[in-house]
Amino acid sequence: MEKKENYESTPKGFLKTISIIHLGLFAGPLIFGIFTFSTIKETKIDYSDTNDIFLFLVPLFAISGILVGNILFKEQIDKLINKDSLMEKLSGFQTASIIKYALLEGPALIGIVAFNNNGNLLYLIISGILILYLIILRPTNDIIETSLNFTIEQQNQFNQKEQIIR
């Protein structure tokens, strides 16, 4: 009996999988933020309360998440450029992307929790910016191809969406 290959071992399956992961990592904070916003009765924008530790932490975590995520992503991708195997490149890209997405999702969630604690819209705005950035990072064929600097052979293999990746 012939073994049926897992859909994830095709370029189409890979793109579907990483897109679902991406969707989950930005949809969580988005839904949580909308829910939290709808339950808070009194909101304000206040950046003058020096006793509010979140006034310092939320922007720090947001900026750190963006910077560290970009640095780690670039380091991981740089290690993949010279790999001969398309599967190795795609697997590494997926890992690097998940790390980058998580380093944006975490600060977005912290901002939403901070907003929930005191109703300061500043935290929700920062979280919204992080969520928008996450949406912009949606993995596409072009982004994957450009990031991984495919050889001609890898490019051809990646463009055959239904072919099993070897």
N, C-alpha and C. Protein backbone atom coordinates (compact mmCIF):
# COMPACT_ATOMS: atom_id res chain seq x y z
N MET A 1 0.85 -1.18 0.00
CA MET A 1 0.00 0.00 0.00
C MET A 1 0.89 1.24 0.00
N GLU A 2 0.59 2.16 -0.87
CA GLU A 2 1.39 3.36 -0.99
C GLU A 2 1.06 4.33 0.15
N LYS A 3 2.12 4.88 0.75
CA LYS A 3 1.94 5.83 1.85
C LYS A 3 1.54 7.18 1.27
N LYS A 4 0.47 7.76 1.82
CA LYS A 4 0.02 9.08 1.38
C LYS A 4 0.91 10.13 2.03
N GLU A 5 1.46 11.03 1.22
CA GLU A 5 2.34 12.09 1.73
C GLU A 5 1.52 13.15 2.46
N ASN A 6 2.11 13.71 3.48
CA ASN A 6 1.48 14.78 4.24
C ASN A 6 1.46 16.04 3.38
N TYR A 7 0.33 16.78 3.42
CA TYR A 7 0.21 17.98 2.59
C TYR A 7 1.27 19.02 2.91
N GLU A 8 1.84 18.97 4.10
CA GLU A 8 2.82 19.97 4.49
C GLU A 8 4.14 19.82 3.74
N SER A 9 4.32 18.71 3.06
CA SER A 9 5.58 18.51 2.37
C SER A 9 5.54 19.02 0.92
N THR A 10 4.53 19.80 0.60
CA THR A 10 4.48 20.48 -0.69
C THR A 10 4.60 21.98 -0.45
N PRO A 11 5.04 22.74 -1.44
CA PRO A 11 5.09 24.20 -1.26
C PRO A 11 3.72 24.79 -0.91
N LYS A 12 2.67 24.27 -1.53
CA LYS A 12 1.32 24.75 -1.23
C LYS A 12 0.96 24.45 0.23
N GLY A 13 1.28 23.25 0.69
CA GLY A 13 1.02 22.87 2.08
C GLY A 13 1.82 23.70 3.06
N PHE A 14 3.08 23.96 2.71
CA PHE A 14 3.92 24.80 3.57
C PHE A 14 3.32 26.18 3.72
N LEU A 15 2.92 26.79 2.60
CA LEU A 15 2.35 28.14 2.64
C LEU A 15 1.04 28.15 3.44
N LYS A 16 0.26 27.11 3.28
CA LYS A 16 -1.00 27.01 4.03
C LYS A 16 -0.72 26.91 5.53
N THR A 17 0.23 26.09 5.90
CA THR A 17 0.57 25.91 7.31
C THR A 17 1.09 27.20 7.94
N ILE A 18 2.04 27.84 7.29
CA ILE A 18 2.62 29.06 7.87
C ILE A 18 1.59 30.19 7.88
N SER A 19 0.67 30.20 6.92
CA SER A 19 -0.39 31.21 6.91
C SER A 19 -1.36 31.00 8.08
N ILE A 20 -1.67 29.76 8.39
CA ILE A 20 -2.55 29.46 9.53
C ILE A 20 -1.87 29.85 10.84
N ILE A 21 -0.59 29.56 10.96
CA ILE A 21 0.16 29.95 12.16
C ILE A 21 0.14 31.47 12.30
N HIS A 22 0.41 32.16 11.21
CA HIS A 22 0.41 33.63 11.21
C HIS A 22 -0.96 34.16 11.61
N LEU A 23 -2.00 33.61 11.04
CA LEU A 23 -3.36 34.03 11.35
C LEU A 23 -3.65 33.86 12.84
N GLY A 24 -3.27 32.73 13.39
CA GLY A 24 -3.49 32.49 14.82
C GLY A 24 -2.74 33.46 15.71
N LEU A 25 -1.53 33.80 15.31
CA LEU A 25 -0.72 34.68 16.15
C LEU A 25 -1.13 36.14 16.08
N PHE A 26 -1.81 36.57 15.02
CA PHE A 26 -2.30 37.95 15.05
C PHE A 26 -3.78 38.02 15.42
N ALA A 27 -4.53 36.95 15.18
CA ALA A 27 -5.96 36.96 15.50
C ALA A 27 -6.20 36.93 17.01
N GLY A 28 -5.34 36.23 17.74
CA GLY A 28 -5.50 36.17 19.19
C GLY A 28 -5.52 37.54 19.84
N PRO A 29 -4.46 38.33 19.67
CA PRO A 29 -4.46 39.66 20.25
C PRO A 29 -5.54 40.57 19.67
N LEU A 30 -5.85 40.40 18.39
CA LEU A 30 -6.87 41.23 17.76
C LEU A 30 -8.23 40.99 18.43
N ILE A 31 -8.61 39.74 18.57
CA ILE A 31 -9.89 39.40 19.20
C ILE A 31 -9.89 39.80 20.67
N PHE A 32 -8.80 39.52 21.36
CA PHE A 32 -8.69 39.89 22.77
C PHE A 32 -8.78 41.41 22.94
N GLY A 33 -8.14 42.16 22.05
CA GLY A 33 -8.18 43.62 22.11
C GLY A 33 -9.57 44.16 21.86
N ILE A 34 -10.26 43.62 20.87
CA ILE A 34 -11.63 44.06 20.58
C ILE A 34 -12.54 43.73 21.76
N PHE A 35 -12.41 42.53 22.29
CA PHE A 35 -13.23 42.13 23.44
C PHE A 35 -12.95 43.04 24.64
N THR A 36 -11.69 43.28 24.92
CA THR A 36 -11.32 44.12 26.07
C THR A 36 -11.84 45.54 25.88
N PHE A 37 -11.66 46.09 24.69
CA PHE A 37 -12.14 47.44 24.41
C PHE A 37 -13.66 47.54 24.62
N SER A 38 -14.37 46.51 24.21
CA SER A 38 -15.84 46.55 24.33
C SER A 38 -16.32 46.41 25.77
N THR A 39 -15.46 45.90 26.66
CA THR A 39 -15.88 45.72 28.05
C THR A 39 -15.46 46.86 28.97
N ILE A 40 -14.53 47.70 28.53
CA ILE A 40 -14.07 48.82 29.37
C ILE A 40 -15.06 49.97 29.23
N LYS A 41 -15.55 50.44 30.34
CA LYS A 41 -16.56 51.51 30.32
C LYS A 41 -15.95 52.90 30.19
N GLU A 42 -14.84 53.12 30.84
CA GLU A 42 -14.23 54.45 30.85
C GLU A 42 -12.81 54.37 30.31
N THR A 43 -12.57 55.07 29.21
CA THR A 43 -11.23 55.07 28.63
C THR A 43 -10.67 56.49 28.62
N LYS A 44 -9.35 56.54 28.49
CA LYS A 44 -8.66 57.84 28.46
C LYS A 44 -7.33 57.65 27.75
N ILE A 45 -6.74 58.74 27.35
CA ILE A 45 -5.35 58.71 26.88
C ILE A 45 -4.57 59.54 27.88
N ASP A 46 -3.69 58.87 28.59
CA ASP A 46 -2.95 59.55 29.66
C ASP A 46 -1.50 59.07 29.64
N TYR A 47 -0.61 59.98 29.38
CA TYR A 47 0.82 59.65 29.45
C TYR A 47 1.53 60.51 30.49
N SER A 48 0.76 60.99 31.45
CA SER A 48 1.34 61.83 32.50
C SER A 48 1.43 61.13 33.86
N ASP A 49 0.81 59.97 33.99
CA ASP A 49 0.80 59.25 35.27
C ASP A 49 2.15 58.54 35.46
N THR A 50 3.06 59.18 36.17
CA THR A 50 4.41 58.62 36.35
C THR A 50 4.43 57.43 37.30
N ASN A 51 3.34 57.15 37.99
CA ASN A 51 3.27 55.99 38.88
C ASN A 51 2.84 54.73 38.14
N ASP A 52 2.43 54.87 36.90
CA ASP A 52 1.97 53.74 36.10
C ASP A 52 3.18 53.09 35.43
N ILE A 53 3.57 51.92 35.94
CA ILE A 53 4.76 51.21 35.42
C ILE A 53 4.57 50.80 33.95
N PHE A 54 3.31 50.57 33.57
CA PHE A 54 3.04 50.17 32.18
C PHE A 54 3.37 51.29 31.19
N LEU A 55 3.35 52.51 31.64
CA LEU A 55 3.67 53.63 30.78
C LEU A 55 5.11 53.51 30.24
N PHE A 56 5.95 52.87 31.02
CA PHE A 56 7.33 52.62 30.61
C PHE A 56 7.46 51.24 29.95
N LEU A 57 6.81 50.23 30.53
CA LEU A 57 7.00 48.85 30.07
C LEU A 57 6.38 48.54 28.71
N VAL A 58 5.16 49.01 28.47
CA VAL A 58 4.49 48.66 27.21
C VAL A 58 5.27 49.17 26.00
N PRO A 59 5.66 50.45 25.95
CA PRO A 59 6.47 50.88 24.79
C PRO A 59 7.83 50.17 24.72
N LEU A 60 8.44 49.93 25.88
CA LEU A 60 9.73 49.22 25.89
C LEU A 60 9.59 47.82 25.32
N PHE A 61 8.56 47.08 25.76
CA PHE A 61 8.34 45.73 25.25
C PHE A 61 8.01 45.75 23.76
N ALA A 62 7.23 46.74 23.33
CA ALA A 62 6.86 46.84 21.91
C ALA A 62 8.09 47.07 21.04
N ILE A 63 8.89 48.04 21.41
CA ILE A 63 10.11 48.35 20.63
C ILE A 63 11.08 47.17 20.69
N SER A 64 11.25 46.58 21.87
CA SER A 64 12.14 45.43 22.01
C SER A 64 11.66 44.26 21.17
N GLY A 65 10.36 44.01 21.17
CA GLY A 65 9.81 42.91 20.39
C GLY A 65 10.08 43.08 18.91
N ILE A 66 9.90 44.30 18.42
CA ILE A 66 10.16 44.58 17.01
C ILE A 66 11.64 44.40 16.69
N LEU A 67 12.50 45.02 17.48
CA LEU A 67 13.94 44.96 17.20
C LEU A 67 14.51 43.56 17.35
N VAL A 68 14.22 42.92 18.47
CA VAL A 68 14.76 41.57 18.72
C VAL A 68 14.19 40.59 17.70
N GLY A 69 12.90 40.71 17.38
CA GLY A 69 12.29 39.84 16.38
C GLY A 69 12.96 39.97 15.02
N ASN A 70 13.22 41.20 14.61
CA ASN A 70 13.88 41.43 13.32
C ASN A 70 15.31 40.92 13.32
N ILE A 71 16.02 41.13 14.41
CA ILE A 71 17.42 40.67 14.49
C ILE A 71 17.48 39.14 14.47
N LEU A 72 16.67 38.49 15.28
CA LEU A 72 16.67 37.02 15.32
C LEU A 72 16.22 36.43 13.99
N PHE A 73 15.23 37.04 13.37
CA PHE A 73 14.77 36.57 12.07
C PHE A 73 15.90 36.65 11.05
N LYS A 74 16.56 37.79 11.01
CA LYS A 74 17.66 37.97 10.04
C LYS A 74 18.79 36.97 10.30
N GLU A 75 19.14 36.77 11.56
CA GLU A 75 20.20 35.81 11.89
C GLU A 75 19.83 34.39 11.43
N GLN A 76 18.59 34.00 11.69
CA GLN A 76 18.15 32.67 11.28
C GLN A 76 18.14 32.53 9.75
N ILE A 77 17.65 33.55 9.08
CA ILE A 77 17.57 33.50 7.61
C ILE A 77 18.97 33.49 7.01
N ASP A 78 19.89 34.26 7.57
CA ASP A 78 21.27 34.27 7.07
C ASP A 78 21.91 32.89 7.13
N LYS A 79 21.55 32.10 8.13
CA LYS A 79 22.07 30.74 8.25
C LYS A 79 21.49 29.81 7.19
N LEU A 80 20.35 30.17 6.63
CA LEU A 80 19.66 29.30 5.68
C LEU A 80 20.04 29.56 4.23
N ILE A 81 20.57 30.71 3.94
CA ILE A 81 20.81 31.15 2.55
C ILE A 81 21.60 30.11 1.75
N ASN A 82 22.62 29.52 2.33
CA ASN A 82 23.48 28.59 1.60
C ASN A 82 23.07 27.13 1.72
N LYS A 83 21.92 26.85 2.31
CA LYS A 83 21.44 25.47 2.41
C LYS A 83 21.05 24.96 1.03
N ASP A 84 21.37 23.70 0.77
CA ASP A 84 21.04 23.11 -0.52
C ASP A 84 19.61 22.58 -0.58
N SER A 85 19.07 22.23 0.57
CA SER A 85 17.75 21.62 0.62
C SER A 85 16.64 22.67 0.77
N LEU A 86 15.67 22.60 -0.12
CA LEU A 86 14.52 23.51 -0.03
C LEU A 86 13.77 23.26 1.28
N MET A 87 13.65 22.00 1.67
CA MET A 87 12.95 21.66 2.91
C MET A 87 13.63 22.30 4.12
N GLU A 88 14.95 22.27 4.16
CA GLU A 88 15.68 22.91 5.26
C GLU A 88 15.42 24.41 5.30
N LYS A 89 15.44 25.03 4.12
CA LYS A 89 15.21 26.47 4.05
C LYS A 89 13.80 26.82 4.53
N LEU A 90 12.81 26.07 4.05
CA LEU A 90 11.43 26.36 4.42
C LEU A 90 11.17 26.10 5.90
N SER A 91 11.73 25.04 6.40
CA SER A 91 11.58 24.72 7.83
C SER A 91 12.21 25.81 8.69
N GLY A 92 13.39 26.26 8.31
CA GLY A 92 14.07 27.33 9.04
C GLY A 92 13.32 28.64 8.94
N PHE A 93 12.75 28.92 7.77
CA PHE A 93 11.95 30.13 7.59
C PHE A 93 10.74 30.10 8.50
N GLN A 94 10.11 28.95 8.59
CA GLN A 94 8.93 28.83 9.45
C GLN A 94 9.30 29.09 10.91
N THR A 95 10.39 28.50 11.37
CA THR A 95 10.84 28.69 12.75
C THR A 95 11.17 30.16 13.01
N ALA A 96 11.92 30.78 12.11
CA ALA A 96 12.30 32.18 12.27
C ALA A 96 11.06 33.08 12.27
N SER A 97 10.09 32.76 11.42
CA SER A 97 8.87 33.56 11.35
C SER A 97 8.06 33.45 12.63
N ILE A 98 7.93 32.24 13.15
CA ILE A 98 7.16 32.04 14.39
C ILE A 98 7.79 32.83 15.53
N ILE A 99 9.10 32.82 15.62
CA ILE A 99 9.78 33.59 16.67
C ILE A 99 9.49 35.08 16.50
N LYS A 100 9.61 35.55 15.27
CA LYS A 100 9.36 36.98 15.00
C LYS A 100 7.92 37.35 15.33
N TYR A 101 6.97 36.51 14.92
CA TYR A 101 5.57 36.79 15.20
C TYR A 101 5.29 36.78 16.70
N ALA A 102 5.86 35.80 17.40
CA ALA A 102 5.63 35.69 18.85
C ALA A 102 6.20 36.89 19.60
N LEU A 103 7.32 37.42 19.12
CA LEU A 103 7.92 38.59 19.77
C LEU A 103 7.13 39.87 19.50
N LEU A 104 6.18 39.81 18.62
CA LEU A 104 5.24 40.92 18.42
C LEU A 104 3.93 40.66 19.16
N GLU A 105 3.52 39.41 19.15
CA GLU A 105 2.27 39.04 19.81
C GLU A 105 2.35 39.27 21.32
N GLY A 106 3.46 38.89 21.93
CA GLY A 106 3.62 39.04 23.38
C GLY A 106 3.43 40.47 23.86
N PRO A 107 4.18 41.42 23.32
CA PRO A 107 4.00 42.82 23.74
C PRO A 107 2.60 43.35 23.42
N ALA A 108 1.99 42.88 22.33
CA ALA A 108 0.62 43.31 22.01
C ALA A 108 -0.33 42.85 23.11
N LEU A 109 -0.17 41.62 23.57
CA LEU A 109 -1.01 41.10 24.64
C LEU A 109 -0.77 41.84 25.96
N ILE A 110 0.49 42.15 26.24
CA ILE A 110 0.81 42.92 27.45
C ILE A 110 0.15 44.29 27.40
N GLY A 111 0.17 44.93 26.24
CA GLY A 111 -0.48 46.23 26.09
C GLY A 111 -1.98 46.14 26.31
N ILE A 112 -2.60 45.08 25.83
CA ILE A 112 -4.04 44.91 26.02
C ILE A 112 -4.37 44.68 27.49
N VAL A 113 -3.54 43.89 28.17
CA VAL A 113 -3.74 43.67 29.61
C VAL A 113 -3.58 44.98 30.37
N ALA A 114 -2.58 45.78 30.00
CA ALA A 114 -2.37 47.08 30.65
C ALA A 114 -3.58 47.99 30.41
N PHE A 115 -4.10 47.98 29.19
CA PHE A 115 -5.30 48.76 28.89
C PHE A 115 -6.47 48.27 29.75
N ASN A 116 -6.60 46.98 29.89
CA ASN A 116 -7.67 46.40 30.70
C ASN A 116 -7.57 46.83 32.16
N ASN A 117 -6.34 47.01 32.65
CA ASN A 117 -6.13 47.39 34.05
C ASN A 117 -6.56 48.83 34.35
N ASN A 118 -6.30 49.75 33.42
CA ASN A 118 -6.60 51.14 33.76
C ASN A 118 -7.32 51.96 32.68
N GLY A 119 -7.66 51.33 31.57
CA GLY A 119 -8.43 52.03 30.54
C GLY A 119 -7.66 53.04 29.73
N ASN A 120 -6.32 53.04 29.83
CA ASN A 120 -5.51 53.98 29.08
C ASN A 120 -5.39 53.51 27.63
N LEU A 121 -6.01 54.25 26.72
CA LEU A 121 -6.01 53.89 25.30
C LEU A 121 -4.62 53.86 24.67
N LEU A 122 -3.68 54.53 25.28
CA LEU A 122 -2.31 54.54 24.77
C LEU A 122 -1.80 53.10 24.60
N TYR A 123 -2.10 52.25 25.57
CA TYR A 123 -1.64 50.85 25.52
C TYR A 123 -2.34 50.08 24.40
N LEU A 124 -3.60 50.36 24.22
CA LEU A 124 -4.35 49.69 23.16
C LEU A 124 -3.88 50.17 21.79
N ILE A 125 -3.51 51.42 21.67
CA ILE A 125 -2.99 51.96 20.41
C ILE A 125 -1.66 51.28 20.07
N ILE A 126 -0.79 51.15 21.06
CA ILE A 126 0.49 50.47 20.84
C ILE A 126 0.25 49.02 20.41
N SER A 127 -0.67 48.36 21.09
CA SER A 127 -1.01 46.97 20.73
C SER A 127 -1.57 46.91 19.31
N GLY A 128 -2.41 47.87 18.96
CA GLY A 128 -2.97 47.93 17.62
C GLY A 128 -1.91 48.08 16.55
N ILE A 129 -0.91 48.90 16.83
CA ILE A 129 0.21 49.08 15.89
C ILE A 129 0.97 47.77 15.72
N LEU A 130 1.21 47.07 16.82
CA LEU A 130 1.90 45.78 16.74
C LEU A 130 1.09 44.76 15.94
N ILE A 131 -0.23 44.75 16.15
CA ILE A 131 -1.09 43.83 15.42
C ILE A 131 -1.09 44.18 13.93
N LEU A 132 -1.14 45.46 13.60
CA LEU A 132 -1.07 45.87 12.19
C LEU A 132 0.25 45.44 11.55
N TYR A 133 1.34 45.61 12.30
CA TYR A 133 2.64 45.18 11.80
C TYR A 133 2.65 43.67 11.57
N LEU A 134 2.05 42.92 12.48
CA LEU A 134 1.95 41.47 12.32
C LEU A 134 1.17 41.13 11.05
N ILE A 135 0.09 41.83 10.81
CA ILE A 135 -0.71 41.58 9.60
C ILE A 135 0.12 41.85 8.35
N ILE A 136 0.89 42.93 8.37
CA ILE A 136 1.74 43.27 7.23
C ILE A 136 2.78 42.19 6.96
N LEU A 137 3.20 41.48 8.00
CA LEU A 137 4.22 40.44 7.86
C LEU A 137 3.67 39.13 7.30
N ARG A 138 2.43 39.13 6.84
CA ARG A 138 1.81 37.91 6.31
C ARG A 138 2.75 37.22 5.31
N PRO A 139 2.98 35.92 5.52
CA PRO A 139 3.91 35.23 4.61
C PRO A 139 3.29 35.03 3.23
N THR A 140 4.02 35.42 2.22
CA THR A 140 3.58 35.24 0.83
C THR A 140 4.70 34.55 0.07
N ASN A 141 4.37 34.08 -1.13
CA ASN A 141 5.39 33.46 -1.98
C ASN A 141 6.58 34.39 -2.19
N ASP A 142 6.29 35.64 -2.52
CA ASP A 142 7.35 36.61 -2.81
C ASP A 142 8.25 36.84 -1.59
N ILE A 143 7.65 36.99 -0.42
CA ILE A 143 8.43 37.22 0.80
C ILE A 143 9.34 36.02 1.09
N ILE A 144 8.78 34.83 0.94
CA ILE A 144 9.56 33.61 1.20
C ILE A 144 10.71 33.51 0.20
N GLU A 145 10.41 33.67 -1.07
CA GLU A 145 11.43 33.56 -2.11
C GLU A 145 12.53 34.60 -1.93
N THR A 146 12.15 35.84 -1.66
CA THR A 146 13.11 36.92 -1.48
C THR A 146 13.96 36.70 -0.24
N SER A 147 13.33 36.30 0.85
CA SER A 147 14.05 36.11 2.11
C SER A 147 15.07 34.99 2.02
N LEU A 148 14.71 33.91 1.34
CA LEU A 148 15.56 32.72 1.33
C LEU A 148 16.53 32.67 0.16
N ASN A 149 16.45 33.63 -0.75
CA ASN A 149 17.41 33.71 -1.85
C ASN A 149 17.57 32.35 -2.53
N PHE A 150 16.47 31.83 -3.06
CA PHE A 150 16.47 30.52 -3.69
C PHE A 150 17.43 30.43 -4.86
N THR A 151 18.02 29.25 -5.03
CA THR A 151 18.75 28.95 -6.26
C THR A 151 17.69 28.74 -7.34
N ILE A 152 18.11 28.64 -8.59
CA ILE A 152 17.17 28.40 -9.70
C ILE A 152 16.43 27.08 -9.48
N GLU A 153 17.16 26.07 -9.06
CA GLU A 153 16.55 24.75 -8.82
C GLU A 153 15.51 24.83 -7.69
N GLN A 154 15.87 25.50 -6.60
CA GLN A 154 14.94 25.65 -5.48
C GLN A 154 13.72 26.48 -5.90
N GLN A 155 13.96 27.52 -6.69
CA GLN A 155 12.87 28.36 -7.19
C GLN A 155 11.89 27.52 -8.01
N ASN A 156 12.42 26.69 -8.91
CA ASN A 156 11.58 25.84 -9.73
C ASN A 156 10.80 24.85 -8.87
N GLN A 157 11.47 24.27 -7.89
CA GLN A 157 10.82 23.31 -7.01
C GLN A 157 9.72 24.01 -6.18
N PHE A 158 10.00 25.20 -5.69
CA PHE A 158 9.02 25.94 -4.88
C PHE A 158 7.81 26.35 -5.72
N ASN A 159 8.01 26.64 -7.00
CA ASN A 159 6.90 27.05 -7.87
C ASN A 159 6.02 25.90 -8.31
N GLN A 160 6.46 24.69 -8.10
CA GLN A 160 5.62 23.52 -8.37
C GLN A 160 4.85 23.19 -7.10
N LYS A 161 3.74 23.89 -6.91
CA LYS A 161 3.01 23.92 -5.63
C LYS A 161 2.53 22.56 -5.14
N GLU A 162 2.27 21.62 -6.04
CA GLU A 162 1.74 20.32 -5.64
C GLU A 162 2.82 19.24 -5.52
N GLN A 163 4.06 19.57 -5.89
CA GLN A 163 5.14 18.58 -5.85
C GLN A 163 5.66 18.42 -4.42
N ILE A 164 5.99 17.18 -4.08
CA ILE A 164 6.56 16.88 -2.78
C ILE A 164 7.95 17.50 -2.70
N ILE A 165 8.23 18.17 -1.58
CA ILE A 165 9.55 18.78 -1.37
C ILE A 165 10.49 17.70 -0.90
N ARG A 166 11.63 17.64 -1.52
CA ARG A 166 12.65 16.65 -1.15
C ARG A 166 13.79 17.32 -0.43
